[in-house]
Protein backbone atom coordinates (compact mmCIF):
# COMPACT_ATOMS: atom_id res chain seq x y z
CA MET A 1 29.55 -138.02 15.03
CA SER A 2 29.54 -134.79 17.09
CA GLU A 3 26.38 -132.82 17.79
CA ILE A 4 25.73 -129.54 16.02
CA PRO A 5 24.35 -127.28 18.67
CA ILE A 6 21.69 -124.62 18.08
CA ALA A 7 24.02 -122.04 19.74
CA ASP A 8 27.73 -121.75 20.51
CA PRO A 9 29.10 -118.74 22.15
CA ASP A 10 32.46 -117.63 21.07
CA ILE A 11 34.75 -116.48 23.95
CA GLY A 12 38.29 -116.17 22.90
CA PRO A 13 41.66 -114.57 23.86
CA ASP A 14 40.54 -110.95 23.50
CA GLU A 15 37.66 -111.53 25.82
CA HIS A 16 40.00 -113.13 28.39
CA ARG A 17 42.43 -110.26 28.09
CA ARG A 18 39.92 -107.60 28.51
CA VAL A 19 38.27 -109.31 31.38
CA GLN A 20 41.65 -109.75 33.02
CA GLU A 21 42.33 -106.05 32.71
CA VAL A 22 39.15 -105.28 34.66
CA LEU A 23 39.96 -107.84 37.27
CA ASP A 24 43.40 -106.49 37.65
CA SER A 25 41.96 -103.04 38.01
CA GLY A 26 39.81 -103.89 40.91
CA ARG A 27 36.92 -101.74 39.26
CA LEU A 28 34.47 -104.60 38.86
CA ALA A 29 30.97 -102.93 38.98
CA ASP A 30 29.67 -100.21 36.82
CA GLY A 31 32.58 -97.66 35.69
CA PRO A 32 34.64 -96.56 32.84
CA THR A 33 34.48 -99.84 30.96
CA VAL A 34 30.89 -99.80 30.90
CA ARG A 35 30.89 -96.19 29.70
CA SER A 36 33.15 -97.24 26.92
CA PHE A 37 30.97 -100.08 25.88
CA GLU A 38 27.93 -97.79 26.02
CA ALA A 39 29.49 -95.26 23.71
CA ALA A 40 30.94 -97.87 21.23
CA PHE A 41 27.64 -99.78 20.85
CA ALA A 42 25.68 -96.58 20.32
CA ASP A 43 28.05 -95.47 17.67
CA PHE A 44 28.00 -98.90 15.98
CA CYS A 45 24.12 -98.71 15.85
CA GLY A 46 23.97 -95.06 14.78
CA ALA A 47 22.46 -93.85 18.00
CA ASP A 48 23.48 -90.81 20.13
CA HIS A 49 23.19 -92.29 23.46
CA GLY A 50 23.70 -95.71 25.13
CA VAL A 51 22.55 -96.87 28.65
CA ALA A 52 23.90 -100.35 29.60
CA THR A 53 21.70 -102.60 31.76
CA SER A 54 21.80 -105.83 33.62
CA ASN A 55 19.96 -107.88 30.88
CA GLY A 56 17.53 -107.51 27.94
CA THR A 57 14.36 -107.64 30.05
CA THR A 58 15.69 -104.81 32.23
CA ALA A 59 16.60 -102.80 29.06
CA LEU A 60 13.05 -103.09 27.99
CA GLU A 61 11.49 -102.11 31.33
CA THR A 62 13.96 -99.18 31.43
CA ALA A 63 13.14 -97.95 27.97
CA VAL A 64 9.36 -98.13 28.67
CA ARG A 65 9.83 -95.98 31.96
CA ALA A 66 12.29 -93.62 30.40
CA VAL A 67 10.13 -92.63 27.41
CA GLY A 68 7.48 -91.59 29.93
CA LEU A 69 4.95 -94.23 29.93
CA ASP A 70 3.06 -95.18 33.04
CA ALA A 71 0.17 -97.20 34.34
CA ASP A 72 -2.46 -95.16 32.63
CA ASP A 73 -0.91 -95.99 29.29
CA THR A 74 -1.10 -98.98 26.82
CA VAL A 75 1.80 -100.41 24.65
CA LEU A 76 0.99 -102.57 21.75
CA THR A 77 3.50 -105.40 20.77
CA SER A 78 3.71 -108.73 19.01
CA PRO A 79 2.21 -111.88 20.60
CA PHE A 80 4.93 -113.92 18.80
CA SER A 81 8.07 -113.28 20.81
CA PHE A 82 9.74 -114.21 24.05
CA ILE A 83 7.49 -113.35 26.96
CA ALA A 84 9.94 -110.64 28.10
CA SER A 85 8.57 -108.31 25.44
CA ALA A 86 5.24 -108.29 27.17
CA ASN A 87 6.43 -108.76 30.73
CA ALA A 88 8.71 -105.70 30.65
CA ILE A 89 5.79 -103.56 29.60
CA GLN A 90 3.63 -104.73 32.61
CA LEU A 91 6.53 -104.42 35.05
CA ALA A 92 7.06 -100.82 33.89
CA GLY A 93 3.38 -100.04 34.55
CA PRO A 94 1.48 -99.77 31.26
CA SER A 95 -1.19 -102.33 29.96
CA VAL A 96 -0.37 -104.69 27.14
CA ALA A 97 -2.21 -105.13 23.81
CA PHE A 98 -1.39 -107.26 20.92
CA ALA A 99 -1.51 -107.13 17.12
CA ASP A 100 -1.00 -110.08 14.71
CA ILE A 101 2.12 -110.69 12.68
CA ASP A 102 3.07 -110.89 9.13
CA PRO A 103 3.22 -114.69 8.23
CA GLU A 104 6.34 -114.22 6.07
CA THR A 105 8.36 -112.09 8.46
CA TYR A 106 7.06 -113.11 11.79
CA ASN A 107 7.15 -109.28 12.77
CA LEU A 108 4.28 -107.07 13.47
CA ASP A 109 1.77 -106.75 10.52
CA PRO A 110 1.35 -102.95 9.99
CA LYS A 111 -2.20 -103.67 8.76
CA ALA A 112 -2.96 -105.33 12.08
CA VAL A 113 -1.21 -102.62 13.99
CA GLU A 114 -3.14 -99.81 12.29
CA ALA A 115 -6.46 -101.55 13.06
CA ALA A 116 -5.62 -102.06 16.57
CA VAL A 117 -4.51 -98.47 17.33
CA ALA A 118 -7.55 -97.10 15.43
CA ASP A 119 -9.84 -99.37 17.55
CA ARG A 120 -8.45 -98.37 20.92
CA GLU A 121 -6.16 -95.78 22.56
CA VAL A 122 -2.47 -96.80 22.26
CA ASP A 123 0.37 -94.90 23.62
CA ALA A 124 3.34 -96.72 22.22
CA ILE A 125 4.11 -99.54 19.79
CA LEU A 126 7.01 -101.96 20.81
CA ALA A 127 8.14 -103.53 17.52
CA VAL A 128 9.99 -106.82 17.90
CA HIS A 129 12.84 -107.38 15.31
CA LEU A 130 12.26 -111.12 15.49
CA TYR A 131 14.94 -113.74 14.60
CA GLY A 132 17.26 -110.90 13.45
CA LEU A 133 14.98 -109.33 10.68
CA PRO A 134 13.91 -105.70 11.42
CA ALA A 135 10.35 -104.87 11.75
CA PRO A 136 8.76 -102.72 9.05
CA MET A 137 9.86 -99.49 10.91
CA ASP A 138 9.07 -96.94 8.22
CA ARG A 139 5.60 -98.05 8.06
CA LEU A 140 5.21 -98.48 11.84
CA ARG A 141 6.70 -94.83 12.28
CA GLU A 142 3.94 -93.53 9.87
CA ILE A 143 1.26 -95.27 11.93
CA ALA A 144 2.94 -93.98 15.20
CA ASP A 145 3.01 -90.50 14.00
CA GLU A 146 -0.61 -90.50 12.72
CA TYR A 147 -1.99 -91.81 16.02
CA ASP A 148 0.39 -90.02 18.24
CA CYS A 149 2.31 -93.12 19.50
CA LEU A 150 5.85 -93.58 20.67
CA LEU A 151 7.76 -96.26 18.86
CA ILE A 152 10.14 -98.63 20.64
CA GLU A 153 12.38 -101.23 19.22
CA ASP A 154 12.79 -104.58 20.95
CA ALA A 155 16.25 -105.48 19.07
CA ALA A 156 17.21 -108.24 21.32
CA GLN A 157 17.83 -110.47 18.46
CA ALA A 158 18.87 -108.06 15.90
CA HIS A 159 22.26 -106.69 16.68
CA GLY A 160 23.58 -105.14 13.46
CA ALA A 161 20.34 -105.65 11.29
CA ALA A 162 19.28 -102.82 9.19
CA ILE A 163 16.82 -101.07 6.82
CA ASP A 164 18.41 -99.36 3.96
CA GLY A 165 21.58 -99.21 5.77
CA ARG A 166 20.12 -97.81 9.02
CA ARG A 167 20.89 -100.14 11.84
CA THR A 168 18.33 -101.29 14.43
CA GLY A 169 18.85 -99.25 17.60
CA SER A 170 18.53 -95.99 15.49
CA LEU A 171 14.93 -96.61 14.17
CA GLY A 172 12.72 -95.74 17.13
CA ASP A 173 12.32 -93.26 19.94
CA ALA A 174 14.26 -95.85 22.03
CA ALA A 175 15.65 -99.26 21.43
CA CYS A 176 16.54 -102.27 23.58
CA PHE A 177 19.16 -105.02 23.17
CA SER A 178 20.00 -108.19 24.97
CA PHE A 179 23.50 -109.71 25.33
CA TYR A 180 22.46 -113.11 26.58
CA PRO A 181 24.90 -116.00 25.67
CA THR A 182 22.92 -117.21 22.69
CA LYS A 183 22.56 -113.76 21.08
CA ASN A 184 24.53 -112.53 18.15
CA MET A 185 26.96 -110.99 20.55
CA THR A 186 27.21 -111.57 24.31
CA THR A 187 28.27 -110.03 27.59
CA GLY A 188 27.19 -113.06 29.57
CA GLU A 189 24.02 -111.27 30.75
CA GLY A 190 23.45 -107.70 29.81
CA GLY A 191 21.21 -105.33 27.87
CA MET A 192 21.26 -101.88 26.43
CA VAL A 193 18.93 -98.90 25.78
CA LEU A 194 19.82 -96.70 22.83
CA THR A 195 18.14 -93.42 22.00
CA ASP A 196 18.91 -90.18 20.16
CA ASP A 197 17.02 -88.23 22.99
CA ALA A 198 19.17 -86.88 25.66
CA ASP A 199 16.32 -86.74 28.14
CA ILE A 200 15.32 -90.23 27.66
CA ALA A 201 18.92 -91.41 28.11
CA GLU A 202 19.20 -89.33 31.24
CA ARG A 203 16.02 -90.82 32.73
CA ALA A 204 17.23 -94.36 31.73
CA ALA A 205 20.61 -93.94 33.24
CA ARG A 206 19.13 -92.62 36.51
CA PHE A 207 16.48 -95.30 36.69
CA VAL A 208 19.18 -98.13 36.43
CA ASN A 209 21.16 -96.57 39.25
CA HIS A 210 18.51 -96.11 42.10
CA GLY A 211 17.40 -92.81 40.71
CA ARG A 212 20.77 -91.40 41.51
CA THR A 213 21.75 -87.90 40.22
CA GLU A 214 25.19 -87.82 41.99
CA GLY A 215 26.77 -89.09 45.07
CA TYR A 216 24.01 -90.14 47.41
CA GLU A 217 21.46 -87.73 45.88
CA HIS A 218 18.48 -89.72 44.31
CA ALA A 219 15.87 -87.72 42.40
CA THR A 220 13.54 -90.48 41.72
CA VAL A 221 12.87 -94.13 42.66
CA GLY A 222 15.11 -96.62 40.62
CA HIS A 223 16.37 -100.10 40.48
CA ASN A 224 19.93 -101.47 40.49
CA TYR A 225 19.96 -102.56 36.79
CA ARG A 226 23.52 -101.72 36.21
CA LEU A 227 25.99 -103.70 33.97
CA THR A 228 29.19 -104.85 35.48
CA SER A 229 32.43 -103.85 34.17
CA ILE A 230 33.37 -107.50 33.52
CA SER A 231 30.42 -107.63 31.18
CA GLY A 232 31.22 -104.31 29.53
CA ALA A 233 34.73 -105.77 28.86
CA LEU A 234 33.21 -108.86 27.16
CA GLY A 235 30.92 -106.46 25.14
CA LEU A 236 33.82 -104.40 23.88
CA ALA A 237 35.50 -107.59 22.63
CA GLN A 238 32.39 -109.06 21.02
CA LEU A 239 31.45 -105.80 19.37
CA GLU A 240 34.78 -105.90 17.43
CA LYS A 241 33.83 -109.45 16.23
CA LEU A 242 30.14 -108.58 15.45
CA PRO A 243 30.52 -107.83 11.76
CA ASP A 244 32.42 -111.14 11.13
CA TYR A 245 29.71 -113.02 13.17
CA THR A 246 26.98 -111.47 11.06
CA ALA A 247 28.82 -112.40 7.73
CA ALA A 248 29.05 -115.91 8.89
CA ARG A 249 25.43 -116.15 9.86
CA ARG A 250 24.31 -114.79 6.61
CA ALA A 251 26.66 -117.10 4.69
CA HIS A 252 25.34 -120.08 6.65
CA ALA A 253 21.68 -118.97 6.14
CA GLU A 254 22.29 -118.65 2.34
CA ALA A 255 23.57 -122.25 2.23
CA LEU A 256 20.75 -123.66 4.33
CA SER A 257 18.13 -121.83 2.10
CA GLU A 258 19.79 -123.11 -1.11
CA ALA A 259 19.72 -126.70 0.32
CA LEU A 260 15.98 -126.36 1.19
CA ALA A 261 14.96 -124.56 -1.88
CA PRO A 262 13.61 -127.79 -3.55
CA VAL A 263 11.84 -128.94 -0.37
CA GLU A 264 8.30 -128.06 -0.99
CA SER A 265 7.21 -129.02 2.56
CA ILE A 266 9.45 -126.37 4.18
CA ILE A 267 9.24 -122.38 4.00
CA THR A 268 12.62 -120.85 4.37
CA PRO A 269 13.16 -117.26 5.82
CA THR A 270 12.57 -114.19 3.79
CA GLU A 271 14.48 -111.03 3.55
CA PRO A 272 12.50 -108.02 2.01
CA ASP A 273 14.34 -105.58 -0.34
CA GLY A 274 16.45 -103.16 1.61
CA PHE A 275 16.40 -105.15 4.84
CA THR A 276 19.44 -106.82 6.32
CA HIS A 277 18.69 -109.97 8.17
CA VAL A 278 21.32 -111.13 10.80
CA TYR A 279 19.82 -114.55 11.45
CA HIS A 280 19.83 -114.76 15.30
CA GLN A 281 17.77 -117.85 14.36
CA TYR A 282 17.37 -119.49 10.96
CA THR A 283 13.70 -120.29 11.21
CA VAL A 284 11.69 -122.35 8.74
CA ARG A 285 8.09 -123.43 8.95
CA THR A 286 6.55 -126.81 8.10
CA ASP A 287 3.49 -128.72 8.91
CA ASP A 288 5.69 -131.67 9.57
CA ARG A 289 7.64 -130.14 12.37
CA GLU A 290 7.99 -133.02 14.61
CA MET A 291 8.95 -135.48 11.82
CA PHE A 292 11.54 -132.93 10.59
CA ARG A 293 12.98 -132.39 14.00
CA SER A 294 13.16 -136.08 14.71
CA TYR A 295 15.03 -136.63 11.45
CA LEU A 296 17.73 -134.00 12.32
CA ASP A 297 17.91 -135.18 16.03
CA ALA A 298 18.63 -138.71 14.75
CA ALA A 299 21.74 -137.01 13.00
CA ASP A 300 22.76 -135.25 16.20
CA VAL A 301 21.72 -131.74 14.79
CA ASP A 302 20.09 -129.63 17.49
CA THR A 303 16.93 -127.67 16.70
CA ALA A 304 14.58 -125.44 18.69
CA VAL A 305 11.14 -123.95 18.58
CA TYR A 306 10.92 -120.14 19.15
CA TYR A 307 8.07 -119.97 20.38
CA PRO A 308 5.62 -122.74 20.89
CA THR A 309 3.14 -120.77 22.76
CA PRO A 310 2.05 -117.21 21.66
CA ILE A 311 2.31 -114.74 24.61
CA HIS A 312 -1.56 -114.29 24.69
CA HIS A 313 -1.94 -117.83 25.38
CA GLN A 314 0.28 -117.83 28.35
CA PRO A 315 -1.48 -117.68 31.77
CA PRO A 316 -0.54 -113.96 32.58
CA TYR A 317 -2.08 -112.84 29.34
CA ASP A 318 -4.86 -115.38 28.34
CA HIS A 319 -7.51 -113.15 29.83
CA LEU A 320 -6.96 -110.64 27.06
CA ASP A 321 -9.20 -110.60 23.99
CA VAL A 322 -6.67 -111.12 21.27
CA ARG A 323 -7.18 -112.31 17.71
CA ALA A 324 -3.78 -113.27 16.23
CA PRO A 325 -4.41 -116.24 13.94
CA GLU A 326 -1.05 -115.86 12.15
CA ALA A 327 0.85 -115.94 15.42
CA GLU A 328 -1.06 -118.98 16.52
CA ARG A 329 -0.33 -120.72 13.05
CA ALA A 330 3.35 -119.85 13.17
CA ALA A 331 3.76 -121.33 16.78
CA LYS A 332 2.58 -124.67 15.46
CA GLN A 333 4.96 -124.58 12.42
CA VAL A 334 8.29 -122.86 13.11
CA VAL A 335 11.48 -124.65 13.81
CA SER A 336 15.03 -123.00 14.15
CA LEU A 337 18.25 -124.74 12.67
CA PRO A 338 21.80 -124.05 13.68
CA VAL A 339 23.23 -121.00 11.89
CA HIS A 340 25.58 -119.41 14.34
CA PRO A 341 29.13 -118.50 13.39
CA GLY A 342 30.61 -121.48 15.22
CA LEU A 343 29.55 -123.84 12.59
CA SER A 344 32.49 -125.19 10.81
CA ASP A 345 32.61 -125.88 7.01
CA ALA A 346 32.08 -129.53 7.84
CA ASP A 347 29.08 -128.73 9.93
CA VAL A 348 27.44 -126.69 7.15
CA ASP A 349 28.28 -129.66 4.66
CA ARG A 350 26.62 -131.99 6.99
CA LEU A 351 23.59 -129.76 7.54
CA THR A 352 23.06 -129.15 3.84
CA THR A 353 23.49 -132.63 2.82
CA LEU A 354 20.81 -133.72 5.51
CA LEU A 355 18.51 -131.08 4.21
CA ARG A 356 18.83 -132.03 0.53
CA ALA A 357 18.37 -135.59 1.51
CA TYR A 358 15.18 -134.87 3.49
CA GLY A 359 13.66 -133.36 0.38
CA ARG A 360 14.08 -136.67 -1.61
CA ILE A 361 12.70 -138.97 1.14
CA ASP A 362 9.05 -139.90 1.05
CA ASP A 363 9.05 -140.71 4.69
CA PRO A 364 11.98 -139.54 6.76
CA THR A 365 10.81 -141.52 9.74
CA GLU A 366 11.72 -144.75 8.15
CA ILE A 367 15.43 -143.81 7.64
CA GLU A 368 17.55 -146.08 9.93
CA GLU A 369 20.64 -143.89 9.47
CA PRO A 370 20.87 -140.35 8.17
CA PRO A 371 23.06 -139.53 5.25
CA THR A 372 26.71 -138.64 5.80
CA ALA A 373 28.50 -135.59 4.39
CA VAL A 374 28.52 -137.02 0.98
CA GLU A 375 25.27 -137.38 -0.81
CA PRO A 376 24.14 -140.60 -2.53
CA GLY A 377 26.00 -141.09 -5.75
CA GLY A 378 29.23 -139.80 -4.41
CA GLU A 379 28.69 -136.07 -5.15
CA SER A 380 29.92 -133.81 -2.43
CA ASP A 381 28.23 -130.48 -1.31
CA ASP A 382 30.99 -128.57 -2.69
């Protein structure tokens, strides 16, 4: 029985062809291929401008700097995310503040955000679209406008996600994506800043290229955060496949939710009306997390916990006075299951069989051998 991994990047003939074309051209660093990728991804997301970066963290830092924030400012974000969401803010200069999450969506709770910005001066809200579900951007925009805050999207896990048909990347003053190998599409490493503001785009493009204006003229201090042409070539190929990847993830998520529906001890993901979840992760929550993971591990099904420690409990941030009980509770309960487009029909059958069987077992730790792809009684999952 082969393992079902938590992620499985899909690199096929089109990626090989496009990369070979770059290799043959000799133009390996930033160049026309990257410009093409920037334009294509921005167009896909419904944004006017795209600036490619070396990874998702540099995209976040670049966006924070490009919107005009500095060391005198404060950015409010989620404590329940990968630590890069907070690290990038601090690397760019501003201070970090946190607001608690909605326990159903794992995204920022607008009530907690409003209480936080009413209690202290906040210059920007960085909303994380966790697991592929957009944050409540319409309400967050209202809060941002009322309290004169900028609104930035951390869309590192939400390529193609949408609210009422408007895709992530077009919902804030700036947005940031990651193209790490486990993401919904990949360039190996890589990131992107999207915005409708030409001035923000210009500052971002300058910052990722040593503050360069042209030739060897440098208007500001900057980094080398450029994306390579090889990565841009991978991105162009992956972007063409992204709609199919999303359809597969959503279909797999539907099958998993159906299998888990009768299991009272497990809470499945939610998708609010008007929201399109792209299931970067299929994340459930349960008080019996270790038992559930051990059960699936015995069947060679990979699982993961994103994230076991809230950011405000990490050493760089544990000095902050943060009240986030929902984030802390989620960190003790969440577990993610395979949902990626590389799952075969047989993989999905096996997963759903295991999940249905788990709901019928009084003590899954006593099972010597997990069920096969045919459930007890001879009924297949079909």
